[in-house]
Amino acid sequence: MFAEKAPSNAQEWSVSDLAGALKRTLEDAFGHVRLRGEVSGYRGPHSSGHAYFCLKDQNARIDAVIWKGAFSKLKIRPEEGMEVIATGRITTFPGSSKYQIVVESLEPAGIGALMALLEERRRKLNAEGLFAPERKRRLPFLPQVVGVVTSPTGAVIRDILHRLEDRFPRRVLVWPVRVQGETCAAEVAAAIRGFNALEPGGRIPRPDVLIVARGGGSIEDLWGFNEEIVVRAAAESAIPLVSAVGHETDTTLIDHAADMRAPTPTGAAEMVVPVRVELMAAVNDLSRRHVEASLRLVDRRRSDLRATARALPSAEALFSPKRQRLDLAATKLGPALMGNARRSENRLKEAYSRLVRYSPVSRLAAMRAKLDAVGPRPYNAVCRSVVLKNETLKQVGERLVVSREALLRAERTRIVQMNEVMKSLAERLDPAIKGQMTRKAKQLDAVSKLFDSLSYKSVLKRGFALVRDAEGRPLNSAEAVHDGQALVLEFADGKADATGGRIGTRPRPAKPRVLVAEEQGALF
């Protein structure tokens, strides 16, 4: 007899209860943490919208996940090899017995990382041609409406309005946005696209030029203007755009995509409109010069007209040679007309004499005389030819009748011979067909028995079973079975459902696999 094992006082846990207890303990102990590390294994967001990757340093690594809702709100997107500071909560994933951080916000780890990210983004957008000089457009000389994208409460908008008022008052439309923070980039991009979406001549006038403005600040403060969404919106703008972000030493990516960069917001206002007083002085100066030039031109034309009038000949000098040529031509016209009439009369007489010789009446008389000389000879020749043709046709008909009778007799004889040959062949063909069918039936019997002996169903009758997955594909090894996988067992007398469970091995996470196996190889 075996000795009975003494009962233990240790609490008995189920796997699910233990996993839940570990999850609660870890979340209560750490809660929200800020974690610094290098992004590893990032391949972009999953088809579900979630992002999965790892954070690592020189000694350890931790799995990280960003849910779809938090991913769309991130100020920066994770990139492979980027050093970041992730803020989130530590939790576990009971399905695979591992812990992970659920990231809620992400920021670069220091200025160096920001500059590296900025340079990488600049190279990417430049390669797409968004910064190409040939895309830049000239600003309108005197816009009717100026659109400004900036904060409505800062000093920037007041500086712009004051400078426009001093130089050349224009109508200004302000699209209020946040100029720093998490929503800055989305609001600025929406403002640029919103101004471009206005219809010309609509209730709200469409600006002729746009100014995107913000005061100076650190690189973190200006980071919203380095976001890809803002740069693409500036490059797509159909309205000429002036970038006035920061001071003269501050440079952001929107400066490269804009049609013009201003060192300050005040400088942007000076770029988009000219000075009204200077324009008025220039117009007055041009008007004075135009009047003086017109007076000088009139005086020069008057002098030229007087000189030309003195050089022109008199009317008598112009018409006297023409009048003399007309008198000479009138003197020669009468004799020339008489000579021409005589020459035309002579040509007409010659033509008449030629026509008389070739008249139709004389030609018809000559042809009638020739026809009378021929007489009835052609008619007699035709009659003789018809008689000869009739005799020839009769002889040919008689020969055809004789030939037809001989041909019919020969054909009847050939048909009788062929009938006899067909009867002989029919008598031999019937036994041959019956023998062939007997041999084929025996061969079919042998193949059917061989098929039954090789079929996997005969193996099932001996107590074996065929294992398939839920899609009906055969499984031929234990490696192909996942924990908890639905299985279909086929026996000789029917099928049964089962759930996969491997014996003697560690549980491993279910992972879809594509298996191709022959049905006979999946038997056990």
Protein backbone atom coordinates (compact mmCIF):
# COMPACT_ATOMS: atom_id res chain seq x y z
CA MET A 1 0.00 0.00 0.00
CA PHE A 2 1.18 3.55 -0.79
CA ALA A 3 1.46 5.97 2.08
CA GLU A 4 -1.09 8.80 1.99
CA LYS A 5 0.33 12.34 1.38
CA ALA A 6 -0.20 14.75 4.27
CA PRO A 7 -2.62 17.60 3.44
CA SER A 8 -1.06 21.09 2.78
CA ASN A 9 -2.24 24.41 4.26
CA ALA A 10 -1.17 26.41 1.11
CA GLN A 11 -4.03 28.18 -0.66
CA GLU A 12 -5.04 26.62 -3.95
CA TRP A 13 -5.19 29.13 -6.83
CA SER A 14 -6.64 28.82 -10.30
CA VAL A 15 -4.48 30.17 -13.09
CA SER A 16 -6.94 32.99 -13.82
CA ASP A 17 -7.19 33.99 -10.13
CA LEU A 18 -3.40 34.10 -9.77
CA ALA A 19 -3.01 36.15 -12.98
CA GLY A 20 -5.65 38.62 -11.77
CA ALA A 21 -4.01 38.96 -8.36
CA LEU A 22 -0.61 39.64 -9.93
CA LYS A 23 -2.18 42.24 -12.27
CA ARG A 24 -3.83 44.10 -9.35
CA THR A 25 -0.66 43.98 -7.24
CA LEU A 26 1.50 45.39 -10.06
CA GLU A 27 -0.96 48.16 -10.96
CA ASP A 28 -1.42 49.18 -7.30
CA ALA A 29 2.34 49.24 -6.63
CA PHE A 30 3.40 51.32 -9.67
CA GLY A 31 0.32 52.99 -11.18
CA HIS A 32 1.51 55.82 -13.46
CA VAL A 33 5.24 55.93 -14.27
CA ARG A 34 7.57 57.90 -16.54
CA LEU A 35 9.87 55.53 -18.35
CA ARG A 36 12.92 56.49 -20.41
CA GLY A 37 14.21 54.13 -23.08
CA GLU A 38 14.88 53.46 -26.74
CA VAL A 39 12.06 52.44 -29.11
CA SER A 40 12.63 48.94 -30.52
CA GLY A 41 10.58 46.73 -32.82
CA TYR A 42 8.19 49.51 -33.94
CA ARG A 43 6.51 48.71 -37.26
CA GLY A 44 3.80 51.36 -37.33
CA PRO A 45 0.22 51.10 -36.03
CA HIS A 46 -1.57 47.74 -36.30
CA SER A 47 -4.60 47.35 -38.59
CA SER A 48 -6.73 47.86 -35.44
CA GLY A 49 -5.10 51.28 -34.86
CA HIS A 50 -3.10 50.17 -31.79
CA ALA A 51 0.72 50.30 -31.75
CA TYR A 52 2.97 47.64 -30.23
CA PHE A 53 6.73 47.95 -29.59
CA CYS A 54 9.40 47.66 -26.85
CA LEU A 55 11.32 50.15 -24.71
CA LYS A 56 14.86 49.05 -23.89
CA ASP A 57 18.16 50.20 -22.44
CA GLN A 58 21.52 48.44 -22.20
CA ASN A 59 20.31 45.87 -19.60
CA ALA A 60 16.58 45.30 -19.94
CA ARG A 61 13.48 45.77 -22.08
CA ILE A 62 9.74 46.09 -21.51
CA ASP A 63 6.83 45.64 -23.88
CA ALA A 64 4.78 48.76 -24.64
CA VAL A 65 1.38 49.34 -26.20
CA ILE A 66 -0.40 52.53 -27.29
CA TRP A 67 -4.14 52.20 -27.71
CA LYS A 68 -5.79 53.72 -30.79
CA GLY A 69 -7.39 56.66 -28.92
CA ALA A 70 -4.11 57.69 -27.26
CA PHE A 71 -2.07 57.18 -30.46
CA SER A 72 -4.04 59.84 -32.35
CA LYS A 73 -3.34 62.40 -29.59
CA LEU A 74 0.44 61.95 -29.41
CA LYS A 75 2.58 65.04 -30.10
CA ILE A 76 5.24 62.87 -31.73
CA ARG A 77 5.05 59.44 -33.31
CA PRO A 78 7.44 56.70 -32.13
CA GLU A 79 10.23 55.79 -34.54
CA GLU A 80 12.68 52.90 -34.51
CA GLY A 81 15.77 53.76 -32.40
CA MET A 82 14.30 57.00 -30.96
CA GLU A 83 15.04 57.70 -27.28
CA VAL A 84 11.79 58.78 -25.63
CA ILE A 85 10.18 59.40 -22.25
CA ALA A 86 6.92 57.44 -22.05
CA THR A 87 4.23 58.20 -19.48
CA GLY A 88 1.70 55.47 -18.71
CA ARG A 89 0.68 52.71 -16.35
CA ILE A 90 2.24 49.32 -15.72
CA THR A 91 -0.05 46.31 -16.15
CA THR A 92 0.11 42.64 -17.11
CA PHE A 93 -1.22 40.59 -19.99
CA PRO A 94 -2.47 37.30 -18.46
CA GLY A 95 -2.76 35.64 -21.88
CA SER A 96 1.03 35.42 -22.15
CA SER A 97 2.19 35.88 -18.52
CA LYS A 98 4.12 39.10 -19.16
CA TYR A 99 4.01 42.69 -17.93
CA GLN A 100 3.89 45.82 -20.13
CA ILE A 101 3.42 49.59 -20.06
CA VAL A 102 0.29 51.15 -21.56
CA VAL A 103 1.63 54.45 -22.97
CA GLU A 104 -0.59 57.54 -22.64
CA SER A 105 1.89 60.24 -23.75
CA LEU A 106 5.27 60.26 -25.47
CA GLU A 107 8.00 62.91 -25.69
CA PRO A 108 11.60 62.95 -26.95
CA ALA A 109 14.31 62.44 -24.35
CA GLY A 110 16.08 65.84 -24.39
CA ILE A 111 16.97 68.56 -26.91
CA GLY A 112 19.43 66.33 -28.77
CA ALA A 113 16.68 63.84 -29.54
CA LEU A 114 14.37 66.66 -30.65
CA MET A 115 16.99 68.01 -33.04
CA ALA A 116 17.69 64.52 -34.42
CA LEU A 117 13.96 63.98 -34.96
CA LEU A 118 13.65 67.42 -36.55
CA GLU A 119 16.52 66.73 -38.95
CA GLU A 120 15.13 63.32 -39.89
CA ARG A 121 11.71 64.83 -40.59
CA ARG A 122 13.26 67.67 -42.61
CA ARG A 123 15.14 65.19 -44.84
CA LYS A 124 12.00 63.11 -45.36
CA LEU A 125 9.80 66.06 -46.38
CA ASN A 126 12.55 67.56 -48.53
CA ALA A 127 12.87 64.26 -50.40
CA GLU A 128 9.14 64.49 -51.18
CA GLY A 129 9.73 67.90 -52.80
CA LEU A 130 7.75 69.96 -50.27
CA PHE A 131 10.65 72.42 -49.84
CA ALA A 132 11.53 72.75 -53.56
CA PRO A 133 12.22 76.40 -54.57
CA GLU A 134 10.21 76.06 -57.79
CA ARG A 135 7.06 75.55 -55.69
CA LYS A 136 7.40 79.01 -54.13
CA ARG A 137 4.98 81.68 -55.40
CA ARG A 138 5.24 85.47 -55.42
CA LEU A 139 3.08 87.38 -52.94
CA PRO A 140 0.33 89.62 -54.37
CA PHE A 141 1.43 93.25 -54.63
CA LEU A 142 -1.61 94.71 -52.86
CA PRO A 143 -3.90 92.08 -51.27
CA GLN A 144 -7.48 93.04 -50.52
CA VAL A 145 -7.85 90.61 -47.60
CA VAL A 146 -5.05 89.33 -45.31
CA GLY A 147 -5.62 86.08 -43.37
CA VAL A 148 -3.72 85.63 -40.08
CA VAL A 149 -3.36 82.32 -38.22
CA THR A 150 -2.25 83.06 -34.65
CA SER A 151 -3.43 83.38 -31.06
CA PRO A 152 -6.05 86.16 -30.73
CA THR A 153 -4.85 87.17 -27.25
CA GLY A 154 -1.08 87.57 -27.77
CA ALA A 155 0.99 90.58 -28.72
CA VAL A 156 1.65 89.11 -32.19
CA ILE A 157 -1.76 89.96 -33.63
CA ARG A 158 -1.58 93.49 -32.20
CA ASP A 159 1.85 94.04 -33.79
CA ILE A 160 0.58 92.81 -37.16
CA LEU A 161 -2.56 94.98 -37.08
CA HIS A 162 -0.56 98.03 -35.99
CA ARG A 163 2.01 97.57 -38.78
CA LEU A 164 -0.71 97.06 -41.42
CA GLU A 165 -2.47 100.21 -40.21
CA ASP A 166 0.76 102.22 -40.50
CA ARG A 167 1.71 100.94 -43.96
CA PHE A 168 -1.52 100.26 -45.88
CA PRO A 169 -4.78 99.48 -44.04
CA ARG A 170 -6.29 96.24 -45.32
CA ARG A 171 -9.12 93.97 -44.24
CA VAL A 172 -7.76 91.31 -41.84
CA LEU A 173 -9.34 87.91 -41.02
CA VAL A 174 -7.95 86.21 -37.89
CA TRP A 175 -8.33 82.45 -37.40
CA PRO A 176 -7.70 81.90 -33.66
CA VAL A 177 -5.50 78.91 -32.77
CA ARG A 178 -3.28 77.72 -29.94
CA VAL A 179 0.34 78.40 -30.84
CA GLN A 180 1.82 75.78 -28.48
CA GLY A 181 0.72 72.60 -26.76
CA GLU A 182 -0.63 69.26 -27.89
CA THR A 183 -3.44 70.63 -30.11
CA CYS A 184 -1.33 73.38 -31.70
CA ALA A 185 -0.36 71.45 -34.87
CA ALA A 186 -3.87 70.20 -35.60
CA GLU A 187 -5.43 73.65 -35.09
CA VAL A 188 -2.86 75.46 -37.29
CA ALA A 189 -3.24 72.88 -40.10
CA ALA A 190 -7.04 73.14 -39.85
CA ALA A 191 -6.84 76.95 -40.02
CA ILE A 192 -4.68 76.92 -43.19
CA ARG A 193 -6.99 74.42 -44.86
CA GLY A 194 -10.05 76.34 -43.64
CA PHE A 195 -8.87 79.59 -45.27
CA ASN A 196 -8.20 77.68 -48.53
CA ALA A 197 -11.69 76.13 -48.39
CA LEU A 198 -13.42 79.56 -48.49
CA GLU A 199 -15.13 80.25 -51.81
CA PRO A 200 -14.07 83.41 -53.70
CA GLY A 201 -16.88 85.96 -53.59
CA GLY A 202 -18.62 84.18 -50.70
CA ARG A 203 -20.12 85.64 -47.54
CA ILE A 204 -16.72 85.42 -45.86
CA PRO A 205 -14.09 86.84 -48.24
CA ARG A 206 -11.24 84.53 -49.20
CA PRO A 207 -7.80 85.97 -48.21
CA ASP A 208 -5.29 86.86 -50.94
CA VAL A 209 -2.33 86.06 -48.64
CA LEU A 210 -1.91 84.15 -45.34
CA ILE A 211 0.36 84.88 -42.38
CA VAL A 212 1.12 82.10 -39.86
CA ALA A 213 2.60 83.95 -36.88
CA ARG A 214 3.91 83.27 -33.38
CA GLY A 215 6.36 84.95 -31.02
CA GLY A 216 9.72 83.52 -30.00
CA GLY A 217 10.24 80.59 -27.65
CA SER A 218 12.17 77.41 -26.99
CA ILE A 219 12.27 74.50 -29.42
CA GLU A 220 9.63 72.73 -27.33
CA ASP A 221 7.34 75.78 -27.53
CA LEU A 222 7.74 75.98 -31.31
CA TRP A 223 7.50 72.21 -31.86
CA GLY A 224 3.92 72.35 -33.14
CA PHE A 225 5.18 74.19 -36.25
CA ASN A 226 7.61 71.31 -36.95
CA GLU A 227 4.81 68.73 -37.13
CA GLU A 228 4.30 66.99 -40.45
CA ILE A 229 0.58 67.87 -40.61
CA VAL A 230 1.38 71.62 -40.45
CA VAL A 231 4.15 71.40 -43.07
CA ARG A 232 1.91 69.48 -45.48
CA ALA A 233 -0.96 71.94 -44.99
CA ALA A 234 1.39 74.87 -45.75
CA ALA A 235 2.74 73.14 -48.86
CA GLU A 236 -0.78 72.33 -50.12
CA SER A 237 -2.08 75.89 -49.59
CA ALA A 238 -3.34 77.47 -52.82
CA ILE A 239 -3.11 80.90 -51.14
CA PRO A 240 0.44 82.37 -50.89
CA LEU A 241 1.65 81.84 -47.33
CA VAL A 242 4.16 83.79 -45.18
CA SER A 243 5.73 82.03 -42.18
CA ALA A 244 6.48 84.36 -39.21
CA VAL A 245 7.20 81.88 -36.41
CA GLY A 246 9.62 82.93 -33.67
CA HIS A 247 12.44 85.42 -33.94
CA GLU A 248 14.97 85.73 -36.75
CA THR A 249 17.22 83.02 -35.26
CA ASP A 250 14.35 80.52 -34.81
CA THR A 251 13.83 78.11 -37.70
CA THR A 252 10.93 75.65 -38.04
CA LEU A 253 9.90 73.28 -40.83
CA ILE A 254 6.97 75.48 -41.84
CA ASP A 255 9.53 78.15 -42.84
CA HIS A 256 10.83 75.80 -45.57
CA ALA A 257 7.35 74.92 -46.90
CA ALA A 258 6.00 78.50 -46.88
CA ASP A 259 6.25 80.74 -49.95
CA MET A 260 8.05 83.42 -47.90
CA ARG A 261 9.72 83.48 -44.45
CA ALA A 262 9.60 86.62 -42.32
CA PRO A 263 12.09 87.17 -39.47
CA THR A 264 9.31 88.44 -37.16
CA PRO A 265 5.50 88.82 -37.28
CA THR A 266 5.99 92.57 -37.82
CA GLY A 267 8.29 91.80 -40.75
CA ALA A 268 5.55 89.56 -42.23
CA ALA A 269 3.11 92.50 -42.17
CA GLU A 270 5.70 94.62 -43.98
CA MET A 271 6.15 91.92 -46.64
CA VAL A 272 2.47 91.50 -47.56
CA VAL A 273 1.56 95.21 -48.08
CA PRO A 274 3.52 98.20 -49.45
CA VAL A 275 3.72 101.66 -47.79
CA ARG A 276 0.69 103.69 -48.88
CA VAL A 277 2.46 107.09 -48.66
CA GLU A 278 5.35 105.82 -50.76
CA LEU A 279 2.91 104.39 -53.33
CA MET A 280 1.06 107.73 -53.55
CA ALA A 281 4.36 109.62 -54.01
CA ALA A 282 5.45 107.16 -56.68
CA VAL A 283 2.11 107.49 -58.50
CA ASN A 284 2.27 111.30 -58.40
CA ASP A 285 5.83 111.24 -59.72
CA LEU A 286 4.86 108.85 -62.53
CA SER A 287 1.84 111.03 -63.39
CA ARG A 288 4.01 114.17 -63.63
CA ARG A 289 6.59 112.38 -65.78
CA HIS A 290 3.81 111.01 -68.01
CA VAL A 291 2.37 114.51 -68.63
CA GLU A 292 5.78 115.98 -69.42
CA ALA A 293 6.61 113.09 -71.76
CA SER A 294 3.25 113.51 -73.53
CA LEU A 295 3.87 117.26 -74.12
CA ARG A 296 7.34 116.61 -75.49
CA LEU A 297 5.95 113.92 -77.82
CA VAL A 298 3.25 116.30 -79.16
CA ASP A 299 5.86 119.01 -79.89
CA ARG A 300 8.10 116.52 -81.70
CA ARG A 301 5.19 115.18 -83.78
CA ARG A 302 4.16 118.73 -84.75
CA SER A 303 7.69 119.56 -85.95
CA ASP A 304 7.84 116.30 -87.93
CA LEU A 305 4.48 117.10 -89.60
CA ARG A 306 5.65 120.53 -90.71
CA ALA A 307 8.87 119.13 -92.19
CA THR A 308 6.93 116.39 -94.03
CA ALA A 309 4.43 118.94 -95.43
CA ARG A 310 7.25 121.06 -96.84
CA ALA A 311 8.77 118.01 -98.58
CA LEU A 312 5.49 116.96 -100.35
CA PRO A 313 5.11 117.96 -104.15
CA SER A 314 2.14 120.01 -105.42
CA ALA A 315 -1.02 118.46 -106.91
CA GLU A 316 -0.25 119.75 -110.43
CA ALA A 317 3.20 118.14 -110.34
CA LEU A 318 1.69 114.79 -109.24
CA PHE A 319 -1.13 114.56 -111.87
CA SER A 320 0.43 116.08 -115.05
CA PRO A 321 2.49 112.93 -116.06
CA LYS A 322 -0.54 110.69 -115.50
CA ARG A 323 -2.77 112.96 -117.61
CA GLN A 324 -0.22 112.90 -120.48
CA ARG A 325 -0.05 109.06 -120.44
CA LEU A 326 -3.88 108.88 -120.58
CA ASP A 327 -4.03 111.10 -123.72
CA LEU A 328 -1.40 108.95 -125.48
CA ALA A 329 -3.29 105.74 -124.71
CA ALA A 330 -6.59 107.21 -126.04
CA THR A 331 -4.90 108.06 -129.36
CA LYS A 332 -3.67 104.45 -129.85
CA LEU A 333 -6.92 102.72 -128.75
CA GLY A 334 -9.04 103.22 -131.99
CA PRO A 335 -6.59 101.68 -134.53
CA ALA A 336 -5.79 98.81 -132.14
CA LEU A 337 -9.48 97.88 -131.82
CA MET A 338 -9.99 97.83 -135.66
CA GLY A 339 -6.94 95.59 -136.18
CA ASN A 340 -8.12 93.18 -133.49
CA ALA A 341 -11.60 92.91 -135.07
CA ARG A 342 -10.09 92.02 -138.50
CA ARG A 343 -7.88 89.31 -136.99
CA SER A 344 -10.84 87.77 -135.19
CA GLU A 345 -12.92 87.71 -138.39
CA ASN A 346 -10.19 85.83 -140.31
CA ARG A 347 -9.91 83.20 -137.55
CA LEU A 348 -13.69 82.68 -137.60
CA LYS A 349 -13.73 82.05 -141.37
CA GLU A 350 -10.96 79.45 -141.13
CA ALA A 351 -12.85 77.62 -138.38
CA TYR A 352 -16.04 77.57 -140.47
CA SER A 353 -14.29 75.98 -143.45
CA ARG A 354 -12.89 73.20 -141.20
CA LEU A 355 -16.30 72.53 -139.67
CA VAL A 356 -17.92 72.16 -143.11
CA ARG A 357 -15.48 69.35 -144.01
CA TYR A 358 -16.24 67.45 -140.77
CA SER A 359 -19.99 68.08 -140.55
CA PRO A 360 -22.22 65.20 -139.16
CA VAL A 361 -24.44 65.18 -142.28
CA SER A 362 -21.58 64.36 -144.65
CA ARG A 363 -20.20 61.67 -142.31
CA LEU A 364 -23.64 59.97 -142.03
CA ALA A 365 -24.01 59.85 -145.82
CA ALA A 366 -20.61 58.15 -146.23
CA MET A 367 -21.44 55.51 -143.59
CA ARG A 368 -24.85 54.76 -145.17
CA ALA A 369 -23.14 54.10 -148.55
CA LYS A 370 -20.74 51.58 -146.95
CA LEU A 371 -23.64 49.78 -145.22
CA ASP A 372 -25.58 49.43 -148.50
CA ALA A 373 -22.50 47.86 -150.15
CA VAL A 374 -22.32 45.09 -147.45
CA GLY A 375 -25.94 43.87 -148.07
CA PRO A 376 -27.47 40.63 -146.48
CA ARG A 377 -24.17 38.73 -146.07
CA PRO A 378 -23.94 39.02 -142.25
CA TYR A 379 -27.51 37.68 -141.77
CA ASN A 380 -26.86 34.62 -143.90
CA ALA A 381 -23.63 33.86 -142.02
CA VAL A 382 -25.44 34.00 -138.66
CA CYS A 383 -28.16 31.61 -139.88
CA ARG A 384 -25.59 29.06 -141.06
CA SER A 385 -23.76 29.30 -137.72
CA VAL A 386 -27.00 28.61 -135.76
CA VAL A 387 -27.76 25.46 -137.84
CA LEU A 388 -24.24 24.06 -137.23
CA LYS A 389 -24.49 24.70 -133.46
CA ASN A 390 -27.85 22.83 -133.27
CA GLU A 391 -26.40 19.75 -134.93
CA THR A 392 -23.39 19.77 -132.61
CA LEU A 393 -25.64 20.02 -129.50
CA LYS A 394 -27.74 17.04 -130.62
CA GLN A 395 -24.65 14.86 -130.99
CA VAL A 396 -23.32 15.88 -127.56
CA GLY A 397 -26.73 15.08 -125.96
CA GLU A 398 -26.78 11.58 -127.39
CA ARG A 399 -23.27 10.87 -126.07
CA LEU A 400 -24.23 12.18 -122.59
CA VAL A 401 -27.23 9.83 -122.37
CA VAL A 402 -25.07 6.78 -123.15
CA SER A 403 -22.43 7.86 -120.59
CA ARG A 404 -25.04 8.41 -117.86
CA GLU A 405 -26.49 4.90 -118.26
CA ALA A 406 -23.03 3.33 -117.97
CA LEU A 407 -22.19 5.39 -114.89
CA LEU A 408 -25.45 4.42 -113.13
CA ARG A 409 -24.81 0.71 -113.75
CA ALA A 410 -21.29 0.92 -112.30
CA GLU A 411 -22.51 2.79 -109.19
CA ARG A 412 -25.25 0.20 -108.49
CA THR A 413 -22.66 -2.59 -108.67
CA ARG A 414 -20.35 -0.74 -106.20
CA ILE A 415 -23.22 -0.19 -103.72
CA VAL A 416 -24.08 -3.91 -103.71
CA GLN A 417 -20.43 -4.80 -103.01
CA MET A 418 -20.21 -2.29 -100.11
CA ASN A 419 -23.38 -3.70 -98.51
CA GLU A 420 -21.86 -7.18 -98.50
CA VAL A 421 -18.65 -5.86 -96.89
CA MET A 422 -20.68 -4.01 -94.16
CA LYS A 423 -22.62 -7.16 -93.30
CA SER A 424 -19.37 -9.11 -92.88
CA LEU A 425 -17.89 -6.39 -90.62
CA ALA A 426 -21.06 -6.25 -88.47
CA GLU A 427 -20.91 -10.00 -87.86
CA ARG A 428 -17.31 -9.74 -86.54
CA LEU A 429 -17.77 -6.47 -84.57
CA ASP A 430 -20.47 -7.69 -82.11
CA PRO A 431 -18.34 -10.47 -80.46
CA ALA A 432 -15.31 -8.10 -80.30
CA ILE A 433 -17.27 -5.40 -78.43
CA LYS A 434 -18.65 -7.90 -75.92
CA GLY A 435 -15.14 -9.25 -75.20
CA GLN A 436 -13.76 -5.71 -74.73
CA MET A 437 -16.55 -4.82 -72.25
CA THR A 438 -15.87 -8.00 -70.25
CA ARG A 439 -12.17 -7.14 -69.93
CA LYS A 440 -12.93 -3.51 -68.89
CA ALA A 441 -15.40 -4.68 -66.22
CA LYS A 442 -12.72 -6.95 -64.70
CA GLN A 443 -10.19 -4.06 -64.68
CA LEU A 444 -12.73 -1.74 -62.99
CA ASP A 445 -13.39 -4.38 -60.34
CA ALA A 446 -9.66 -4.67 -59.57
CA VAL A 447 -9.16 -0.87 -59.34
CA SER A 448 -12.21 -0.50 -57.05
CA LYS A 449 -10.85 -3.12 -54.66
CA LEU A 450 -7.41 -1.43 -54.67
CA PHE A 451 -9.04 1.99 -53.93
CA ASP A 452 -11.01 0.53 -51.01
CA SER A 453 -7.84 -1.00 -49.55
CA LEU A 454 -5.84 2.28 -49.86
CA SER A 455 -8.63 4.67 -48.70
CA TYR A 456 -8.17 6.31 -45.31
CA LYS A 457 -11.74 5.25 -44.41
CA SER A 458 -10.62 1.63 -44.22
CA VAL A 459 -7.99 2.78 -41.67
CA LEU A 460 -10.74 4.54 -39.68
CA LYS A 461 -12.65 1.24 -39.45
CA ARG A 462 -9.68 -0.25 -37.59
CA GLY A 463 -10.12 2.25 -34.71
CA PHE A 464 -8.11 5.25 -35.94
CA ALA A 465 -9.38 8.86 -36.24
CA LEU A 466 -8.67 11.79 -38.61
CA VAL A 467 -7.98 15.17 -36.87
CA ARG A 468 -8.93 18.42 -38.59
CA ASP A 469 -9.01 22.06 -37.46
CA ALA A 470 -12.12 24.25 -37.51
CA GLU A 471 -11.56 25.08 -41.20
CA GLY A 472 -11.37 21.38 -42.15
CA ARG A 473 -7.59 21.22 -42.73
CA PRO A 474 -5.88 17.98 -41.56
CA LEU A 475 -3.41 18.25 -38.65
CA ASN A 476 -0.52 15.77 -38.77
CA SER A 477 1.57 16.66 -35.68
CA ALA A 478 1.21 17.82 -32.07
CA GLU A 479 3.10 21.04 -32.95
CA ALA A 480 0.20 22.06 -35.18
CA VAL A 481 -2.28 21.97 -32.25
CA HIS A 482 -2.73 25.15 -30.17
CA ASP A 483 -4.10 25.27 -26.62
CA GLY A 484 -7.84 25.72 -26.65
CA GLN A 485 -8.06 25.19 -30.43
CA ALA A 486 -11.33 23.75 -31.73
CA LEU A 487 -10.78 20.34 -33.38
CA VAL A 488 -12.97 17.98 -35.42
CA LEU A 489 -12.36 14.20 -35.02
CA GLU A 490 -13.60 12.03 -37.89
CA PHE A 491 -14.28 8.32 -37.02
CA ALA A 492 -15.52 5.53 -39.26
CA ASP A 493 -19.14 6.08 -38.15
CA GLY A 494 -19.18 9.93 -37.97
CA LYS A 495 -17.53 13.11 -36.64
CA ALA A 496 -17.11 14.63 -33.14
CA ASP A 497 -15.95 18.03 -31.78
CA ALA A 498 -12.96 18.39 -29.42
CA THR A 499 -10.74 21.08 -27.85
CA GLY A 500 -6.92 20.96 -28.29
CA GLY A 501 -4.75 20.40 -25.23
CA ARG A 502 -1.11 19.27 -25.39
CA ILE A 503 0.15 16.78 -22.82
CA GLY A 504 3.65 17.03 -21.35
CA THR A 505 4.63 20.46 -22.79
CA ARG A 506 4.53 24.07 -21.55
CA PRO A 507 1.48 26.07 -22.65
CA ARG A 508 2.38 28.52 -25.35
CA PRO A 509 0.40 31.41 -26.81
CA ALA A 510 -1.89 30.58 -29.63
CA LYS A 511 -0.42 31.68 -32.90
CA PRO A 512 -2.09 31.20 -36.31
CA ARG A 513 -0.23 28.86 -38.59
CA VAL A 514 -0.88 27.70 -42.13
CA LEU A 515 -0.52 23.92 -42.37
CA VAL A 516 -0.60 21.83 -45.53
CA ALA A 517 -0.77 18.05 -44.97
CA GLU A 518 -2.08 15.00 -46.78
CA GLU A 519 -5.12 13.35 -45.20
CA GLN A 520 -3.35 9.99 -44.75
CA GLY A 521 -0.42 11.73 -42.92
CA ALA A 522 -2.80 13.29 -40.32
CA LEU A 523 -4.10 9.94 -39.00
CA PHE A 524 -3.22 8.78 -35.49
